[in-house]
Amino acid sequence: MQQKFRQVMKHGAFFACAMFFAFSISSVGQAAGWPKKAINYVVVFSPGGGSDTFARIVVKWLSKELGVPVNVINKPGGNQIPAINYVAKASPDGYTLMQEQQAASALKVMLDIPNADELIRNRTFGPMIGGGANALVVNNKVPFKTLGEMVNFAKKDPSKFTAARTGGSFSHMINTQFFEFVGIPSDKVRWVDYKGTGPSKVALAGNHIMFVGTGANSIVTMHRSGDVKALAVTGPRRLSSLPKVPTMEESGFPGFEMQGWYGISGPPGLPKEVVQRLDEVAKKLSKDKGFINDLDKLAAFPFYKSPADAKKLVLEETEFYRKMAQAKKKN
């Protein structure tokens, strides 16, 4: 069972999260001399979360490479749908982009969101640029010190175990899949909904909830300061930024590995010249020591795929998760 789950999650790890733009057939004139002004970079979650933290590293380097300001615009809530529609309706001129991330498409099909396929395809795909490990985190007042102790506590009475849930996010998937993996029905856990990891981390530090599963890059500072405690990371090895935090296998739960990926999408019809320029930048940054060092500080790493490969992977894995959801319904 655990080996099978490992294969499932490793496949999912290379999923739709990432930085895409595909070749489109827009007019060449729209892209002439691009970029000439500031670019809006839409993040579908609130400030302070893993996606937002990663995005601010990306825009710093995009701005450096492109020679214009690249500004993060946070549009949280609604299972990402309002933000996706906002970008889809924007002018395809390269000045409105959106950060994609791991499991975005997967959750849409797994949650039976209406018109999920249209939401997933209604964009221009581009290159993947990076990713990161995830962490299982608790507040400092909980009556357990290890992941094993936490699982035992939650199993006794899941309704008393409070966990954060951010609809349509990779964090949502981590939390749900983790509880199912350890034998705790996820629908029995006491979920508390938030519009992003940022607000959920504040609630965690304030002892309003017990647990958050999220990108490790978003909790490094809070863990080091003692505001929260990371019990485990979901990658195959410990992180240099969280060296004392054990892996899932070291914690007694081998087979659960989930790592997220990030990327960018644009409106339908984004000019191929814009896509090609962004692809060049993403490929260059994947080998840039400064960019790599910035990501490493946040428990993240570069991960490049071409626009064509990114699109192919997103669509393949969307179908993979659709079948997973259908199989779960039959059971």
Protein backbone atom coordinates (compact mmCIF):
# COMPACT_ATOMS: atom_id res chain seq x y z
CA MET A 1 0.00 0.00 0.00
CA GLN A 2 2.72 2.45 1.00
CA GLN A 3 4.85 1.59 -2.05
CA LYS A 4 1.85 2.12 -4.31
CA PHE A 5 1.15 5.46 -2.64
CA ARG A 6 4.78 6.49 -3.10
CA GLN A 7 4.47 5.84 -6.83
CA VAL A 8 1.23 7.81 -6.98
CA MET A 9 2.63 10.81 -5.13
CA LYS A 10 5.92 10.84 -7.02
CA HIS A 11 3.93 10.95 -10.22
CA GLY A 12 1.83 13.73 -8.76
CA ALA A 13 4.88 15.63 -7.63
CA PHE A 14 5.78 16.45 -11.21
CA PHE A 15 2.32 17.76 -11.69
CA ALA A 16 0.75 20.90 -12.85
CA CYS A 17 2.25 23.25 -10.59
CA ALA A 18 4.55 25.04 -12.31
CA MET A 19 5.67 27.82 -14.61
CA PHE A 20 3.97 27.64 -17.98
CA PHE A 21 3.27 29.56 -21.17
CA ALA A 22 2.66 27.71 -24.50
CA PHE A 23 3.10 28.75 -28.05
CA SER A 24 0.11 30.79 -29.21
CA ILE A 25 -0.92 32.35 -32.50
CA SER A 26 -1.38 35.99 -31.42
CA SER A 27 -0.22 38.87 -33.56
CA VAL A 28 3.49 39.50 -33.66
CA GLY A 29 2.81 43.21 -33.29
CA GLN A 30 1.51 42.80 -29.75
CA ALA A 31 4.84 41.39 -28.61
CA ALA A 32 7.12 43.79 -30.48
CA GLY A 33 9.68 45.15 -28.04
CA TRP A 34 8.13 43.32 -25.09
CA PRO A 35 8.31 44.23 -22.30
CA LYS A 36 8.00 48.01 -22.38
CA LYS A 37 6.27 48.53 -19.03
CA ALA A 38 5.58 46.89 -15.66
CA ILE A 39 4.15 43.37 -15.58
CA ASN A 40 1.46 42.19 -13.14
CA TYR A 41 2.18 38.74 -11.73
CA VAL A 42 -1.00 37.29 -10.24
CA VAL A 43 -0.74 34.95 -7.24
CA VAL A 44 -3.96 33.12 -6.41
CA PHE A 45 -3.27 33.02 -2.67
CA SER A 46 -2.83 35.61 0.07
CA PRO A 47 0.46 37.29 1.07
CA GLY A 48 2.81 35.37 3.35
CA GLY A 49 2.11 31.84 2.12
CA GLY A 50 4.39 29.48 0.25
CA SER A 51 3.15 30.51 -3.21
CA ASP A 52 3.51 34.19 -2.39
CA THR A 53 6.98 33.70 -0.91
CA PHE A 54 8.16 31.81 -3.97
CA ALA A 55 6.57 34.37 -6.30
CA ARG A 56 8.49 37.24 -4.73
CA ILE A 57 11.76 35.49 -5.48
CA VAL A 58 10.65 34.83 -9.04
CA VAL A 59 9.52 38.42 -9.75
CA LYS A 60 12.81 39.76 -8.39
CA TRP A 61 14.72 37.75 -10.98
CA LEU A 62 12.21 38.23 -13.79
CA SER A 63 12.48 41.97 -13.27
CA LYS A 64 16.26 41.76 -13.38
CA GLU A 65 16.26 39.74 -16.60
CA LEU A 66 13.45 41.59 -18.38
CA GLY A 67 14.43 45.11 -17.32
CA VAL A 68 10.98 46.21 -16.09
CA PRO A 69 9.18 46.01 -12.72
CA VAL A 70 7.26 42.78 -12.13
CA ASN A 71 4.64 43.27 -9.41
CA VAL A 72 2.93 40.57 -7.35
CA ILE A 73 -0.86 40.94 -7.31
CA ASN A 74 -2.54 38.70 -4.70
CA LYS A 75 -6.06 37.49 -5.58
CA PRO A 76 -6.98 34.77 -3.05
CA GLY A 77 -10.18 32.83 -2.55
CA GLY A 78 -12.80 30.92 -4.50
CA ASN A 79 -10.70 27.82 -5.22
CA GLN A 80 -8.54 30.09 -7.43
CA ILE A 81 -11.40 30.52 -9.91
CA PRO A 82 -11.80 34.35 -9.64
CA ALA A 83 -8.06 34.84 -10.20
CA ILE A 84 -7.99 32.39 -13.11
CA ASN A 85 -10.94 34.14 -14.77
CA TYR A 86 -9.31 37.53 -14.17
CA VAL A 87 -6.17 36.45 -16.02
CA ALA A 88 -8.11 34.62 -18.74
CA LYS A 89 -9.98 37.85 -19.58
CA ALA A 90 -6.86 40.02 -19.53
CA SER A 91 -5.32 41.35 -22.73
CA PRO A 92 -2.89 38.76 -24.16
CA ASP A 93 -0.08 41.29 -24.38
CA GLY A 94 2.31 39.78 -21.81
CA TYR A 95 1.60 42.31 -19.06
CA THR A 96 -0.70 40.09 -17.00
CA LEU A 97 0.74 36.74 -15.95
CA MET A 98 -0.20 34.23 -13.27
CA GLN A 99 1.81 31.89 -11.10
CA GLU A 100 0.70 28.27 -11.33
CA GLN A 101 1.50 25.68 -8.73
CA GLN A 102 1.47 22.00 -7.87
CA ALA A 103 -1.93 20.32 -7.78
CA ALA A 104 -3.91 23.32 -9.02
CA SER A 105 -5.47 21.35 -11.85
CA ALA A 106 -5.58 18.14 -9.83
CA LEU A 107 -7.71 19.68 -7.13
CA LYS A 108 -10.13 21.15 -9.62
CA VAL A 109 -10.96 17.72 -11.03
CA MET A 110 -10.80 16.02 -7.62
CA LEU A 111 -13.17 18.57 -6.08
CA ASP A 112 -15.62 18.28 -8.99
CA ILE A 113 -15.37 21.99 -9.71
CA PRO A 114 -17.73 22.85 -12.60
CA ASN A 115 -16.00 23.42 -15.95
CA ALA A 116 -12.70 22.19 -14.48
CA ASP A 117 -11.29 21.24 -17.90
CA GLU A 118 -12.12 24.65 -19.33
CA LEU A 119 -10.45 26.37 -16.37
CA ILE A 120 -7.33 24.26 -16.82
CA ARG A 121 -7.02 24.70 -20.59
CA ASN A 122 -8.14 28.33 -20.88
CA ARG A 123 -4.64 29.80 -20.70
CA THR A 124 -1.28 29.92 -22.43
CA PHE A 125 1.21 27.49 -20.96
CA GLY A 126 4.86 28.32 -20.44
CA PRO A 127 8.01 26.89 -18.81
CA MET A 128 8.30 25.38 -15.37
CA ILE A 129 10.78 27.22 -13.20
CA GLY A 130 11.03 25.78 -9.69
CA GLY A 131 9.60 23.84 -6.80
CA GLY A 132 10.03 22.94 -3.18
CA ALA A 133 9.52 20.41 -0.43
CA ASN A 134 6.60 20.62 1.97
CA ALA A 135 6.37 20.49 5.74
CA LEU A 136 3.85 19.24 8.32
CA VAL A 137 3.66 21.95 10.97
CA VAL A 138 1.98 22.37 14.38
CA ASN A 139 1.60 25.12 16.95
CA ASN A 140 3.71 25.21 20.10
CA LYS A 141 0.88 24.38 22.49
CA VAL A 142 -0.07 20.97 21.11
CA PRO A 143 0.31 17.95 23.45
CA PHE A 144 2.64 16.08 21.09
CA LYS A 145 6.25 16.50 19.98
CA THR A 146 6.62 14.08 17.06
CA LEU A 147 4.64 13.21 13.96
CA GLY A 148 3.87 9.77 15.35
CA GLU A 149 2.44 11.28 18.52
CA MET A 150 0.36 13.69 16.45
CA VAL A 151 -1.12 10.87 14.39
CA ASN A 152 -2.02 8.90 17.51
CA PHE A 153 -3.68 11.99 19.00
CA ALA A 154 -5.71 12.65 15.85
CA LYS A 155 -6.79 9.02 15.53
CA LYS A 156 -8.33 9.00 19.01
CA ASP A 157 -10.78 11.77 18.12
CA PRO A 158 -10.34 13.42 14.69
CA SER A 159 -13.13 15.90 15.48
CA LYS A 160 -10.90 17.51 18.11
CA PHE A 161 -7.98 17.83 15.73
CA THR A 162 -8.09 21.21 14.00
CA ALA A 163 -6.35 21.57 10.65
CA ALA A 164 -6.10 24.40 8.12
CA ARG A 165 -7.65 24.04 4.69
CA THR A 166 -7.10 26.38 1.76
CA GLY A 167 -9.43 25.45 -1.07
CA GLY A 168 -7.82 24.61 -4.39
CA SER A 169 -4.26 24.67 -3.06
CA PHE A 170 -1.43 22.18 -2.84
CA SER A 171 -1.67 22.59 0.93
CA HIS A 172 -5.25 21.32 0.69
CA MET A 173 -4.02 18.22 -1.15
CA ILE A 174 -1.14 17.60 1.28
CA ASN A 175 -3.45 17.72 4.27
CA THR A 176 -6.14 15.51 2.78
CA GLN A 177 -3.76 12.90 1.37
CA PHE A 178 -1.69 12.77 4.55
CA PHE A 179 -4.64 11.97 6.80
CA GLU A 180 -5.89 9.30 4.40
CA PHE A 181 -2.38 7.84 4.19
CA VAL A 182 -2.09 7.38 7.96
CA GLY A 183 -5.58 5.93 8.28
CA ILE A 184 -7.53 8.99 9.45
CA PRO A 185 -10.65 9.71 7.36
CA SER A 186 -10.08 13.26 6.14
CA ASP A 187 -13.79 14.06 6.37
CA LYS A 188 -13.67 13.40 10.13
CA VAL A 189 -10.98 16.00 10.81
CA ARG A 190 -12.13 19.41 12.05
CA TRP A 191 -11.20 21.65 9.13
CA VAL A 192 -10.87 25.41 9.37
CA ASP A 193 -10.97 27.23 6.03
CA TYR A 194 -8.58 30.03 5.02
CA LYS A 195 -7.97 31.98 1.82
CA GLY A 196 -4.27 31.24 1.88
CA THR A 197 -1.35 29.80 3.81
CA GLY A 198 -0.49 33.26 5.16
CA PRO A 199 -3.65 33.59 7.28
CA SER A 200 -3.48 29.93 8.30
CA LYS A 201 0.09 30.39 9.58
CA VAL A 202 -1.00 33.36 11.66
CA ALA A 203 -3.80 31.24 13.11
CA LEU A 204 -1.35 28.42 13.79
CA ALA A 205 1.12 30.69 15.59
CA GLY A 206 -1.78 32.08 17.62
CA ASN A 207 -2.79 28.55 18.67
CA HIS A 208 -6.18 28.82 16.97
CA ILE A 209 -5.55 25.62 15.01
CA MET A 210 -3.25 22.65 15.56
CA PHE A 211 -1.93 21.73 12.13
CA VAL A 212 -0.94 23.05 8.71
CA GLY A 213 0.60 21.14 5.83
CA THR A 214 2.31 23.63 3.54
CA GLY A 215 5.36 24.52 1.50
CA ALA A 216 8.46 24.36 3.67
CA ASN A 217 9.63 27.63 2.12
CA SER A 218 6.80 29.47 3.87
CA ILE A 219 7.56 28.33 7.42
CA VAL A 220 11.37 28.36 7.65
CA THR A 221 11.51 31.72 9.45
CA MET A 222 8.63 30.92 11.81
CA HIS A 223 10.12 27.54 12.69
CA ARG A 224 13.53 29.06 13.41
CA SER A 225 11.98 31.75 15.61
CA GLY A 226 10.00 29.17 17.57
CA ASP A 227 6.59 30.52 16.57
CA VAL A 228 5.61 27.12 15.13
CA LYS A 229 7.19 23.68 14.94
CA ALA A 230 7.77 21.65 11.78
CA LEU A 231 7.43 17.95 12.62
CA ALA A 232 8.52 16.53 9.25
CA VAL A 233 9.32 17.38 5.64
CA THR A 234 7.78 15.45 2.76
CA GLY A 235 10.82 15.14 0.51
CA PRO A 236 13.28 12.23 0.31
CA ARG A 237 15.95 14.04 2.33
CA ARG A 238 16.33 16.70 5.02
CA LEU A 239 16.50 20.33 3.96
CA SER A 240 19.56 22.52 4.46
CA SER A 241 17.26 25.29 5.70
CA LEU A 242 15.58 22.94 8.23
CA PRO A 243 18.39 20.51 9.07
CA LYS A 244 16.89 19.24 12.34
CA VAL A 245 13.47 18.45 10.89
CA PRO A 246 13.19 14.74 9.99
CA THR A 247 11.79 13.30 6.78
CA MET A 248 8.57 11.32 6.68
CA GLU A 249 10.53 8.09 6.50
CA GLU A 250 12.63 9.05 9.51
CA SER A 251 9.39 9.86 11.33
CA GLY A 252 8.05 6.36 10.74
CA PHE A 253 5.89 7.03 7.68
CA PRO A 254 7.83 5.86 4.61
CA GLY A 255 6.13 6.20 1.25
CA PHE A 256 4.60 9.65 1.63
CA GLU A 257 6.55 12.03 -0.59
CA MET A 258 5.03 15.22 -1.96
CA GLN A 259 6.99 18.07 -3.49
CA GLY A 260 5.39 21.04 -5.19
CA TRP A 261 6.23 22.87 -8.39
CA TYR A 262 5.65 26.45 -9.50
CA GLY A 263 5.22 28.23 -12.79
CA ILE A 264 3.50 30.97 -14.74
CA SER A 265 0.58 31.05 -17.14
CA GLY A 266 -0.83 33.81 -19.28
CA PRO A 267 -4.13 34.64 -20.97
CA PRO A 268 -5.19 32.60 -24.02
CA GLY A 269 -3.47 33.86 -27.15
CA LEU A 270 -0.26 35.07 -25.52
CA PRO A 271 2.18 35.89 -28.38
CA LYS A 272 4.76 33.21 -29.06
CA GLU A 273 7.50 35.84 -28.84
CA VAL A 274 6.53 36.52 -25.22
CA VAL A 275 6.44 32.81 -24.46
CA GLN A 276 9.83 32.26 -26.04
CA ARG A 277 11.39 35.15 -24.11
CA LEU A 278 10.04 33.84 -20.81
CA ASP A 279 11.23 30.36 -21.68
CA GLU A 280 14.73 31.73 -22.29
CA VAL A 281 14.67 33.47 -18.91
CA ALA A 282 13.41 30.40 -17.05
CA LYS A 283 16.05 28.19 -18.65
CA LYS A 284 18.79 30.69 -17.81
CA LEU A 285 17.66 31.09 -14.19
CA SER A 286 17.64 27.32 -13.66
CA LYS A 287 21.44 27.51 -13.86
CA ASP A 288 21.97 30.90 -12.19
CA LYS A 289 23.80 30.55 -8.86
CA GLY A 290 22.16 33.65 -7.40
CA PHE A 291 18.66 32.42 -8.20
CA ILE A 292 19.49 28.94 -6.91
CA ASN A 293 20.86 30.38 -3.66
CA ASP A 294 17.74 32.50 -3.14
CA LEU A 295 15.56 29.42 -3.59
CA ASP A 296 17.72 27.29 -1.32
CA LYS A 297 17.21 29.73 1.55
CA LEU A 298 13.49 29.04 1.23
CA ALA A 299 13.75 25.25 0.97
CA ALA A 300 13.05 25.52 -2.76
CA PHE A 301 14.98 24.56 -5.89
CA PRO A 302 15.04 25.29 -9.65
CA PHE A 303 13.03 22.98 -11.89
CA TYR A 304 12.86 23.78 -15.59
CA LYS A 305 10.65 22.32 -18.29
CA SER A 306 9.91 23.78 -21.71
CA PRO A 307 6.44 25.18 -22.43
CA ALA A 308 5.53 22.18 -24.58
CA ASP A 309 6.71 19.69 -21.95
CA ALA A 310 4.98 21.64 -19.18
CA LYS A 311 1.65 21.63 -21.01
CA LYS A 312 1.94 17.92 -21.78
CA LEU A 313 2.70 17.11 -18.16
CA VAL A 314 -0.14 19.26 -16.80
CA LEU A 315 -2.73 17.61 -19.03
CA GLU A 316 -1.41 14.10 -18.36
CA GLU A 317 -1.43 14.56 -14.62
CA THR A 318 -4.83 16.22 -14.62
CA GLU A 319 -6.17 13.04 -16.17
CA PHE A 320 -4.19 10.97 -13.65
CA TYR A 321 -5.85 12.73 -10.73
CA ARG A 322 -9.25 12.55 -12.38
CA LYS A 323 -8.95 8.76 -12.46
CA MET A 324 -7.78 8.77 -8.85
CA ALA A 325 -10.88 10.74 -7.83
CA GLN A 326 -13.17 8.43 -9.78
CA ALA A 327 -11.60 5.36 -8.18
CA LYS A 328 -12.10 6.85 -4.73
CA LYS A 329 -15.79 7.48 -5.47
CA LYS A 330 -16.29 3.83 -6.46
CA ASN A 331 -14.79 2.72 -3.16
